[in-house]
C-alpha atoms as a PDB file:
ATOM      1  CA  MET A   1      -2.816 -61.497  62.552  1.00  0.00           C
ATOM      2  CA  SER A   2      -4.347 -59.169  60.188  1.00  0.00           C
ATOM      3  CA  GLU A   3      -3.625 -57.705  56.841  1.00  0.00           C
ATOM      4  CA  THR A   4      -3.887 -54.047  56.232  1.00  0.00           C
ATOM      5  CA  GLY A   5      -5.495 -53.215  52.976  1.00  0.00           C
ATOM      6  CA  GLY A   6      -4.141 -50.846  50.174  1.00  0.00           C
ATOM      7  CA  THR A   7      -5.469 -47.315  50.573  1.00  0.00           C
ATOM      8  CA  GLY A   8      -8.049 -46.037  52.926  1.00  0.00           C
ATOM      9  CA  ALA A   9      -7.637 -49.117  55.300  1.00  0.00           C
ATOM     10  CA  SER A  10      -8.761 -47.255  58.476  1.00  0.00           C
ATOM     11  CA  GLY A  11     -11.468 -44.879  59.008  1.00  0.00           C
ATOM     12  CA  THR A  12     -13.882 -46.205  56.145  1.00  0.00           C
ATOM     13  CA  GLY A  13     -16.911 -46.924  58.245  1.00  0.00           C
ATOM     14  CA  ALA A  14     -17.434 -50.264  56.832  1.00  0.00           C
ATOM     15  CA  PRO A  15     -18.718 -52.584  59.369  1.00  0.00           C
ATOM     16  CA  ALA A  16     -16.944 -55.901  60.300  1.00  0.00           C
ATOM     17  CA  GLY A  17     -18.120 -58.864  58.346  1.00  0.00           C
ATOM     18  CA  TRP A  18     -17.340 -61.349  55.353  1.00  0.00           C
ATOM     19  CA  TYR A  19     -16.598 -59.830  52.040  1.00  0.00           C
ATOM     20  CA  ALA A  20     -15.419 -60.976  48.645  1.00  0.00           C
ATOM     21  CA  GLU A  21     -11.693 -61.718  48.624  1.00  0.00           C
ATOM     22  CA  PRO A  22     -10.077 -58.379  47.806  1.00  0.00           C
ATOM     23  CA  SER A  23      -7.301 -59.935  45.726  1.00  0.00           C
ATOM     24  CA  GLY A  24      -9.948 -61.143  43.329  1.00  0.00           C
ATOM     25  CA  ARG A  25      -9.416 -64.747  43.949  1.00  0.00           C
ATOM     26  CA  PRO A  26     -12.322 -67.041  44.759  1.00  0.00           C
ATOM     27  CA  GLY A  27     -13.720 -66.965  48.271  1.00  0.00           C
ATOM     28  CA  LEU A  28     -14.280 -64.702  51.185  1.00  0.00           C
ATOM     29  CA  ARG A  29     -12.072 -62.764  53.695  1.00  0.00           C
ATOM     30  CA  TYR A  30     -13.076 -61.286  57.045  1.00  0.00           C
ATOM     31  CA  TRP A  31     -12.996 -57.546  57.597  1.00  0.00           C
ATOM     32  CA  ASP A  32     -12.761 -56.684  61.388  1.00  0.00           C
ATOM     33  CA  GLY A  33     -14.029 -53.129  60.825  1.00  0.00           C
ATOM     34  CA  SER A  34     -10.459 -51.572  60.424  1.00  0.00           C
ATOM     35  CA  ALA A  35      -8.393 -54.073  58.574  1.00  0.00           C
ATOM     36  CA  TRP A  36      -8.484 -57.386  56.624  1.00  0.00           C
ATOM     37  CA  THR A  37      -7.839 -60.527  58.834  1.00  0.00           C
ATOM     38  CA  ASP A  38      -6.237 -63.865  57.907  1.00  0.00           C
ATOM     39  CA  HIS A  39      -9.595 -65.554  58.173  1.00  0.00           C
ATOM     40  CA  VAL A  40     -10.864 -66.822  54.849  1.00  0.00           C
ATOM     41  CA  ALA A  41     -13.814 -68.777  54.079  1.00  0.00           C
ATOM     42  CA  SER A  42     -16.398 -69.788  51.279  1.00  0.00           C
ATOM     43  CA  PRO A  43     -20.171 -69.046  51.979  1.00  0.00           C
ATOM     44  CA  GLY A  44     -21.692 -71.427  54.403  1.00  0.00           C
ATOM     45  CA  SER A  45     -18.212 -72.840  55.434  1.00  0.00           C
ATOM     46  CA  PRO A  46     -16.315 -70.377  57.812  1.00  0.00           C
ATOM     47  CA  GLU A  47     -12.825 -71.070  58.808  1.00  0.00           C
ATOM     48  CA  PRO A  48     -13.063 -73.193  62.135  1.00  0.00           C
ATOM     49  CA  GLY A  49     -11.953 -71.555  65.315  1.00  0.00           C
ATOM     50  CA  THR A  50     -12.169 -67.909  64.048  1.00  0.00           C
ATOM     51  CA  GLY A  51     -14.776 -66.952  66.506  1.00  0.00           C
ATOM     52  CA  VAL A  52     -16.646 -64.858  63.896  1.00  0.00           C
ATOM     53  CA  SER A  53     -20.103 -65.475  62.553  1.00  0.00           C
ATOM     54  CA  THR A  54     -21.059 -67.573  59.576  1.00  0.00           C
ATOM     55  CA  PRO A  55     -20.819 -65.538  56.368  1.00  0.00           C
ATOM     56  CA  THR A  56     -24.204 -64.949  54.781  1.00  0.00           C
ATOM     57  CA  ALA A  57     -25.527 -63.527  51.529  1.00  0.00           C
ATOM     58  CA  THR A  58     -26.017 -60.071  53.173  1.00  0.00           C
ATOM     59  CA  THR A  59     -22.512 -59.642  54.189  1.00  0.00           C
ATOM     60  CA  THR A  60     -20.744 -60.652  51.103  1.00  0.00           C
ATOM     61  CA  ALA A  61     -21.770 -58.042  48.521  1.00  0.00           C
ATOM     62  CA  ALA A  62     -18.341 -56.277  48.107  1.00  0.00           C
ATOM     63  CA  TYR A  63     -15.238 -55.467  50.185  1.00  0.00           C
ATOM     64  CA  PRO A  64     -15.305 -52.155  52.133  1.00  0.00           C
ATOM     65  CA  ALA A  65     -15.339 -48.978  50.124  1.00  0.00           C
ATOM     66  CA  GLY A  66     -12.004 -47.348  49.614  1.00  0.00           C
ATOM     67  CA  GLN A  67     -10.108 -50.624  50.486  1.00  0.00           C
ATOM     68  CA  ALA A  68      -8.042 -51.530  47.371  1.00  0.00           C
ATOM     69  CA  ALA A  69      -7.631 -55.163  46.413  1.00  0.00           C
ATOM     70  CA  GLN A  70      -4.451 -56.595  47.772  1.00  0.00           C
ATOM     71  CA  PRO A  71      -1.803 -57.342  45.141  1.00  0.00           C
ATOM     72  CA  ARG A  72      -1.021 -61.002  44.406  1.00  0.00           C
ATOM     73  CA  LYS A  73       2.301 -62.264  45.541  1.00  0.00           C
ATOM     74  CA  GLY A  74       4.830 -62.515  42.560  1.00  0.00           C
ATOM     75  CA  MET A  75       4.284 -61.949  38.856  1.00  0.00           C
ATOM     76  CA  SER A  76       2.020 -63.711  36.692  1.00  0.00           C
ATOM     77  CA  GLY A  77       3.028 -66.019  33.952  1.00  0.00           C
ATOM     78  CA  CYS A  78       1.934 -63.501  31.222  1.00  0.00           C
ATOM     79  CA  LEU A  79       4.132 -60.804  32.710  1.00  0.00           C
ATOM     80  CA  TRP A  80       7.237 -63.185  32.869  1.00  0.00           C
ATOM     81  CA  ALA A  81       6.487 -64.381  29.337  1.00  0.00           C
ATOM     82  CA  PHE A  82       6.521 -60.589  28.182  1.00  0.00           C
ATOM     83  CA  LEU A  83       9.769 -59.941  30.127  1.00  0.00           C
ATOM     84  CA  ILE A  84      11.486 -62.934  28.644  1.00  0.00           C
ATOM     85  CA  GLY A  85      10.255 -62.038  25.202  1.00  0.00           C
ATOM     86  CA  PHE A  86      11.351 -58.316  25.542  1.00  0.00           C
ATOM     87  CA  ALA A  87      14.837 -59.584  26.689  1.00  0.00           C
ATOM     88  CA  VAL A  88      15.065 -61.907  23.739  1.00  0.00           C
ATOM     89  CA  LEU A  89      14.060 -59.098  21.380  1.00  0.00           C
ATOM     90  CA  ALA A  90      16.574 -56.712  22.868  1.00  0.00           C
ATOM     91  CA  VAL A  91      19.407 -59.074  22.653  1.00  0.00           C
ATOM     92  CA  GLY A  92      18.382 -59.743  19.029  1.00  0.00           C
ATOM     93  CA  VAL A  93      18.386 -56.013  18.021  1.00  0.00           C
ATOM     94  CA  ILE A  94      21.804 -55.577  19.683  1.00  0.00           C
ATOM     95  CA  ALA A  95      23.198 -58.471  17.860  1.00  0.00           C
ATOM     96  CA  LEU A  96      21.697 -57.267  14.611  1.00  0.00           C
ATOM     97  CA  PHE A  97      23.170 -53.752  15.093  1.00  0.00           C
ATOM     98  CA  THR A  98      26.561 -55.294  15.947  1.00  0.00           C
ATOM     99  CA  ILE A  99      26.466 -57.488  12.712  1.00  0.00           C
ATOM    100  CA  ILE A 100      25.489 -54.391  10.543  1.00  0.00           C
ATOM    101  CA  GLY A 101      28.267 -52.436  12.278  1.00  0.00           C
ATOM    102  CA  VAL A 102      30.856 -55.112  11.496  1.00  0.00           C
ATOM    103  CA  GLY A 103      29.591 -55.286   7.895  1.00  0.00           C
ATOM    104  CA  VAL A 104      29.755 -51.640   7.346  1.00  0.00           C
ATOM    105  CA  SER A 105      33.361 -51.359   9.029  1.00  0.00           C
ATOM    106  CA  HIS A 106      34.407 -54.281   6.589  1.00  0.00           C
ATOM    107  CA  VAL A 107      32.968 -52.493   3.415  1.00  0.00           C
ATOM    108  CA  VAL A 108      34.490 -49.063   4.420  1.00  0.00           C
ATOM    109  CA  HIS A 109      37.964 -50.666   5.099  1.00  0.00           C
ATOM    110  CA  HIS A 110      38.277 -53.252   2.283  1.00  0.00           C
ATOM    111  CA  VAL A 111      36.164 -51.671  -0.326  1.00  0.00           C
ATOM    112  CA  ALA A 112      35.999 -47.923   0.030  1.00  0.00           C
ATOM    113  CA  GLY A 113      39.282 -47.639   1.767  1.00  0.00           C
ATOM    114  CA  ASP A 114      40.376 -45.495   4.728  1.00  0.00           C
ATOM    115  CA  VAL A 115      41.107 -41.841   3.901  1.00  0.00           C
ATOM    116  CA  GLY A 116      44.442 -40.818   5.058  1.00  0.00           C
ATOM    117  CA  ARG A 117      48.098 -40.509   4.139  1.00  0.00           C
ATOM    118  CA  PRO A 118      49.271 -43.870   2.706  1.00  0.00           C
ATOM    119  CA  PRO A 119      52.460 -45.298   4.491  1.00  0.00           C
ATOM    120  CA  SER A 120      54.062 -45.913   1.168  1.00  0.00           C
ATOM    121  CA  LEU A 121      54.042 -42.070   0.230  1.00  0.00           C
ATOM    122  CA  PRO A 122      57.543 -40.626   0.655  1.00  0.00           C
ATOM    123  CA  SER A 123      57.934 -38.379   3.749  1.00  0.00           C
ATOM    124  CA  GLY A 124      58.827 -35.510   1.657  1.00  0.00           C
ATOM    125  CA  ALA A 125      55.946 -35.799  -0.775  1.00  0.00           C
ATOM    126  CA  ALA A 126      52.690 -33.939  -0.406  1.00  0.00           C
ATOM    127  CA  GLY A 127      49.392 -35.844  -0.146  1.00  0.00           C
ATOM    128  CA  TYR A 128      46.812 -35.774  -2.922  1.00  0.00           C
ATOM    129  CA  ARG A 129      43.078 -35.502  -3.022  1.00  0.00           C
ATOM    130  CA  ASP A 130      41.307 -38.451  -1.639  1.00  0.00           C
ATOM    131  CA  ASN A 131      44.539 -40.368  -0.630  1.00  0.00           C
ATOM    132  CA  LYS A 132      43.862 -43.597   1.134  1.00  0.00           C
ATOM    133  CA  LYS A 133      45.883 -45.536   3.560  1.00  0.00           C
ATOM    134  CA  GLN A 134      45.642 -48.585   1.366  1.00  0.00           C
ATOM    135  CA  ASP A 135      47.192 -46.796  -1.619  1.00  0.00           C
ATOM    136  CA  GLN A 136      50.446 -48.277  -2.837  1.00  0.00           C
ATOM    137  CA  VAL A 137      52.648 -45.412  -4.047  1.00  0.00           C
ATOM    138  CA  ALA A 138      55.264 -46.519  -6.726  1.00  0.00           C
ATOM    139  CA  ASP A 139      58.828 -46.387  -5.652  1.00  0.00           C
ATOM    140  CA  ALA A 140      61.518 -44.579  -7.485  1.00  0.00           C
ATOM    141  CA  SER A 141      61.627 -47.358 -10.173  1.00  0.00           C
ATOM    142  CA  GLY A 142      57.919 -46.843 -10.825  1.00  0.00           C
ATOM    143  CA  THR A 143      56.915 -50.147  -9.314  1.00  0.00           C
ATOM    144  CA  ALA A 144      53.973 -50.609  -6.931  1.00  0.00           C
ATOM    145  CA  LYS A 145      52.864 -53.849  -5.229  1.00  0.00           C
ATOM    146  CA  LEU A 146      49.170 -54.864  -5.087  1.00  0.00           C
ATOM    147  CA  GLY A 147      49.220 -58.045  -3.078  1.00  0.00           C
ATOM    148  CA  SER A 148      51.473 -60.578  -5.024  1.00  0.00           C
ATOM    149  CA  THR A 149      51.005 -58.627  -8.216  1.00  0.00           C
ATOM    150  CA  GLY A 150      53.672 -56.129  -9.100  1.00  0.00           C
ATOM    151  CA  VAL A 151      52.810 -53.269 -11.587  1.00  0.00           C
ATOM    152  CA  THR A 152      55.356 -50.806 -13.108  1.00  0.00           C
ATOM    153  CA  ALA A 153      54.601 -47.645 -14.931  1.00  0.00           C
ATOM    154  CA  THR A 154      57.248 -45.475 -16.715  1.00  0.00           C
ATOM    155  CA  ASN A 155      58.073 -42.971 -19.407  1.00  0.00           C
ATOM    156  CA  TRP A 156      55.160 -40.768 -18.433  1.00  0.00           C
ATOM    157  CA  SER A 157      55.134 -37.897 -20.918  1.00  0.00           C
ATOM    158  CA  ARG A 158      53.077 -35.621 -23.101  1.00  0.00           C
ATOM    159  CA  THR A 159      52.443 -36.703 -26.744  1.00  0.00           C
ATOM    160  CA  THR A 160      50.013 -36.368 -29.510  1.00  0.00           C
ATOM    161  CA  ALA A 161      47.439 -38.995 -30.690  1.00  0.00           C
ATOM    162  CA  PRO A 162      48.522 -40.145 -34.333  1.00  0.00           C
ATOM    163  CA  THR A 163      45.064 -40.156 -35.817  1.00  0.00           C
ATOM    164  CA  THR A 164      43.106 -37.205 -34.199  1.00  0.00           C
ATOM    165  CA  GLY A 165      46.127 -35.018 -33.180  1.00  0.00           C
ATOM    166  CA  SER A 166      44.654 -34.609 -29.599  1.00  0.00           C
ATOM    167  CA  LYS A 167      47.129 -33.851 -26.837  1.00  0.00           C
ATOM    168  CA  LEU A 168      47.652 -36.881 -24.483  1.00  0.00           C
ATOM    169  CA  ILE A 169      49.690 -37.967 -21.309  1.00  0.00           C
ATOM    170  CA  CYS A 170      50.812 -41.516 -21.685  1.00  0.00           C
ATOM    171  CA  GLY A 171      52.811 -44.039 -19.846  1.00  0.00           C
ATOM    172  CA  ASP A 172      54.049 -47.598 -20.450  1.00  0.00           C
ATOM    173  CA  VAL A 173      52.621 -50.229 -17.994  1.00  0.00           C
ATOM    174  CA  SER A 174      53.795 -53.720 -17.207  1.00  0.00           C
ATOM    175  CA  VAL A 175      52.196 -56.247 -14.848  1.00  0.00           C
ATOM    176  CA  HIS A 176      53.969 -59.265 -13.337  1.00  0.00           C
ATOM    177  CA  ARG A 177      51.799 -61.950 -11.742  1.00  0.00           C
ATOM    178  CA  PRO A 178      53.436 -65.024 -10.248  1.00  0.00           C
ATOM    179  CA  ALA A 179      51.732 -68.523 -10.502  1.00  0.00           C
ATOM    180  CA  SER A 180      50.882 -68.525  -6.773  1.00  0.00           C
ATOM    181  CA  SER A 181      48.607 -65.270  -6.895  1.00  0.00           C
ATOM    182  CA  SER A 182      46.283 -66.679  -4.268  1.00  0.00           C
ATOM    183  CA  ASP A 183      45.115 -63.261  -3.220  1.00  0.00           C
ATOM    184  CA  THR A 184      43.754 -62.385  -6.542  1.00  0.00           C
ATOM    185  CA  PRO A 185      39.857 -62.144  -6.349  1.00  0.00           C
ATOM    186  CA  SER A 186      37.688 -63.953  -8.892  1.00  0.00           C
ATOM    187  CA  ARG A 187      37.526 -62.843 -12.445  1.00  0.00           C
ATOM    188  CA  ALA A 188      34.116 -61.379 -12.005  1.00  0.00           C
ATOM    189  CA  LEU A 189      35.410 -58.902  -9.437  1.00  0.00           C
ATOM    190  CA  GLN A 190      38.232 -57.534 -11.592  1.00  0.00           C
ATOM    191  CA  LEU A 191      38.133 -54.125 -13.068  1.00  0.00           C
ATOM    192  CA  ALA A 192      41.278 -54.007 -15.314  1.00  0.00           C
ATOM    193  CA  GLY A 193      39.487 -51.887 -17.992  1.00  0.00           C
ATOM    194  CA  ASN A 194      39.091 -48.173 -18.501  1.00  0.00           C
ATOM    195  CA  GLU A 195      37.028 -47.555 -15.452  1.00  0.00           C
ATOM    196  CA  ALA A 196      39.892 -48.745 -13.127  1.00  0.00           C
ATOM    197  CA  TRP A 197      42.342 -45.935 -14.280  1.00  0.00           C
ATOM    198  CA  SER A 198      42.103 -42.247 -13.374  1.00  0.00           C
ATOM    199  CA  LEU A 199      44.263 -39.085 -13.493  1.00  0.00           C
ATOM    200  CA  GLN A 200      44.346 -36.259 -11.149  1.00  0.00           C
ATOM    201  CA  ALA A 201      45.503 -32.998 -12.663  1.00  0.00           C
ATOM    202  CA  PRO A 202      47.623 -30.569 -10.522  1.00  0.00           C
ATOM    203  CA  SER A 203      44.425 -28.433 -10.051  1.00  0.00           C
ATOM    204  CA  GLY A 204      42.661 -31.662  -8.607  1.00  0.00           C
ATOM    205  CA  THR A 205      40.450 -32.302 -11.686  1.00  0.00           C
ATOM    206  CA  ASP A 206      39.717 -35.925 -12.551  1.00  0.00           C
ATOM    207  CA  VAL A 207      40.526 -37.030 -16.051  1.00  0.00           C
ATOM    208  CA  SER A 208      39.269 -40.395 -17.528  1.00  0.00           C
ATOM    209  CA  LEU A 209      41.391 -42.821 -19.476  1.00  0.00           C
ATOM    210  CA  SER A 210      41.432 -42.288 -23.312  1.00  0.00           C
ATOM    211  CA  ALA A 211      40.077 -45.657 -24.503  1.00  0.00           C
ATOM    212  CA  GLU A 212      40.776 -44.797 -28.012  1.00  0.00           C
ATOM    213  CA  ASN A 213      44.451 -44.230 -27.594  1.00  0.00           C
ATOM    214  CA  SER A 214      45.271 -46.720 -24.833  1.00  0.00           C
ATOM    215  CA  ASP A 215      46.491 -50.169 -25.364  1.00  0.00           C
ATOM    216  CA  SER A 216      45.500 -51.905 -22.127  1.00  0.00           C
ATOM    217  CA  SER A 217      43.793 -55.051 -23.398  1.00  0.00           C
ATOM    218  CA  ALA A 218      46.800 -57.329 -22.420  1.00  0.00           C
ATOM    219  CA  LEU A 219      46.551 -56.038 -18.689  1.00  0.00           C
ATOM    220  CA  PHE A 220      42.758 -56.525 -18.817  1.00  0.00           C
ATOM    221  CA  ASN A 221      43.075 -60.035 -20.074  1.00  0.00           C
ATOM    222  CA  ALA A 222      45.820 -61.025 -17.620  1.00  0.00           C
ATOM    223  CA  LEU A 223      43.650 -60.002 -14.703  1.00  0.00           C
ATOM    224  CA  THR A 224      40.233 -61.151 -15.861  1.00  0.00           C
ATOM    225  CA  GLU A 225      41.549 -64.493 -17.036  1.00  0.00           C
ATOM    226  CA  ALA A 226      43.781 -64.922 -14.004  1.00  0.00           C
ATOM    227  CA  LYS A 227      46.871 -65.545 -15.947  1.00  0.00           C
ATOM    228  CA  ALA A 228      50.351 -65.627 -14.514  1.00  0.00           C
ATOM    229  CA  GLY A 229      53.458 -64.080 -16.093  1.00  0.00           C
ATOM    230  CA  ASP A 230      54.406 -60.612 -17.449  1.00  0.00           C
ATOM    231  CA  PHE A 231      51.991 -58.402 -19.510  1.00  0.00           C
ATOM    232  CA  SER A 232      52.525 -54.888 -20.880  1.00  0.00           C
ATOM    233  CA  GLY A 233      50.535 -52.094 -22.318  1.00  0.00           C
ATOM    234  CA  LYS A 234      50.024 -48.381 -22.513  1.00  0.00           C
ATOM    235  CA  VAL A 235      47.513 -45.984 -20.917  1.00  0.00           C
ATOM    236  CA  CYS A 236      46.798 -42.498 -22.116  1.00  0.00           C
ATOM    237  CA  PHE A 237      44.726 -39.569 -20.772  1.00  0.00           C
ATOM    238  CA  PRO A 238      43.535 -36.395 -22.423  1.00  0.00           C
ATOM    239  CA  ASP A 239      46.018 -33.662 -21.429  1.00  0.00           C
ATOM    240  CA  PRO A 240      44.600 -30.851 -19.515  1.00  0.00           C
ATOM    241  CA  GLY A 241      47.468 -28.768 -20.334  1.00  0.00           C
ATOM    242  CA  GLU A 242      48.424 -28.037 -16.713  1.00  0.00           C
ATOM    243  CA  ASN A 243      52.122 -27.952 -15.358  1.00  0.00           C
ATOM    244  CA  GLY A 244      52.912 -29.635 -12.046  1.00  0.00           C
ATOM    245  CA  ARG A 245      52.397 -32.792 -10.270  1.00  0.00           C
ATOM    246  CA  TYR A 246      49.880 -35.433 -11.727  1.00  0.00           C
ATOM    247  CA  VAL A 247      48.615 -38.340  -9.763  1.00  0.00           C
ATOM    248  CA  VAL A 248      47.911 -41.650 -11.869  1.00  0.00           C
ATOM    249  CA  LEU A 249      45.667 -44.073  -9.968  1.00  0.00           C
ATOM    250  CA  TRP A 250      44.848 -47.806 -10.870  1.00  0.00           C
ATOM    251  CA  GLN A 251      42.462 -49.887  -8.925  1.00  0.00           C
ATOM    252  CA  PRO A 252      42.082 -53.170 -10.661  1.00  0.00           C
ATOM    253  CA  ASP A 253      40.090 -55.024  -7.984  1.00  0.00           C
ATOM    254  CA  LEU A 254      36.427 -53.914  -7.458  1.00  0.00           C
ATOM    255  CA  LEU A 255      36.308 -55.335  -3.874  1.00  0.00           C
ATOM    256  CA  ASN A 256      39.661 -54.259  -2.768  1.00  0.00           C
ATOM    257  CA  ALA A 257      40.505 -50.612  -1.873  1.00  0.00           C
ATOM    258  CA  ARG A 258      44.193 -51.079  -2.802  1.00  0.00           C
ATOM    259  CA  ARG A 259      45.267 -48.823  -5.712  1.00  0.00           C
ATOM    260  CA  ALA A 260      48.670 -48.375  -7.445  1.00  0.00           C
ATOM    261  CA  VAL A 261      49.724 -44.709  -7.479  1.00  0.00           C
ATOM    262  CA  TRP A 262      52.325 -42.951  -9.594  1.00  0.00           C
ATOM    263  CA  LEU A 263      53.247 -39.151  -8.805  1.00  0.00           C
ATOM    264  CA  VAL A 264      54.195 -37.688 -12.122  1.00  0.00           C
ATOM    265  CA  ASN A 265      55.775 -34.147 -12.648  1.00  0.00           C
ATOM    266  CA  LEU A 266      55.112 -32.624 -16.087  1.00  0.00           C
ATOM    267  CA  THR A 267      55.885 -29.433 -17.722  1.00  0.00           C
ATOM    268  CA  SER A 268      55.221 -27.989 -21.157  1.00  0.00           C
END
């Protein structure tokens, strides 16, 4: 039985004889003039019964020119280690991106909110800028539910600030929190102050709460101190002077996209 070499196995002109093992392993292998044979030996100790001459120093300089070293059977330990390490790394990267994706999805849904028409918006009412699916639009009585907390805002009207004479839009707000308000986040994550209120004018312009003329301290304390019961106050915004539908928004929880929304029609 003989082994053919890699490239240029025939027609090389190399004479038959013993040559260094073409695979690179220690020892000698017999070249019959056209192909490698199964006969292997070490210098001075030829394989018994081969019928070939004893290898000498003059016949073992190198394997025939053009005869590539034969590949070793199977993969080396280093290659196996590399493949295993690469597989572990690939799985780790996939897991990391999966975790990041889940985290981003959670933040977008629960903190930023999903943009779209809220189910609580009456079917005949038009949407508003940046409306979100988590928004809780108040019913005909002016009441919206944020989890177990109920908030009611009524008597929206134009008025004048008693001290400065500036034009305002104000409404009366009351909050009811039952004793079992388990879905209320910690106090540190509540935003019951001015930054939680906003007003959209009919033109789409955002108007900030008038801190000087609003009386929302009772609402702020009720949420930040996790109190149960009924609390009331007043919120006012600078009047842009536009006629049409205004949108009042209140998001008291920093890490929850739910907002209470009131649709208010005002004319001069």
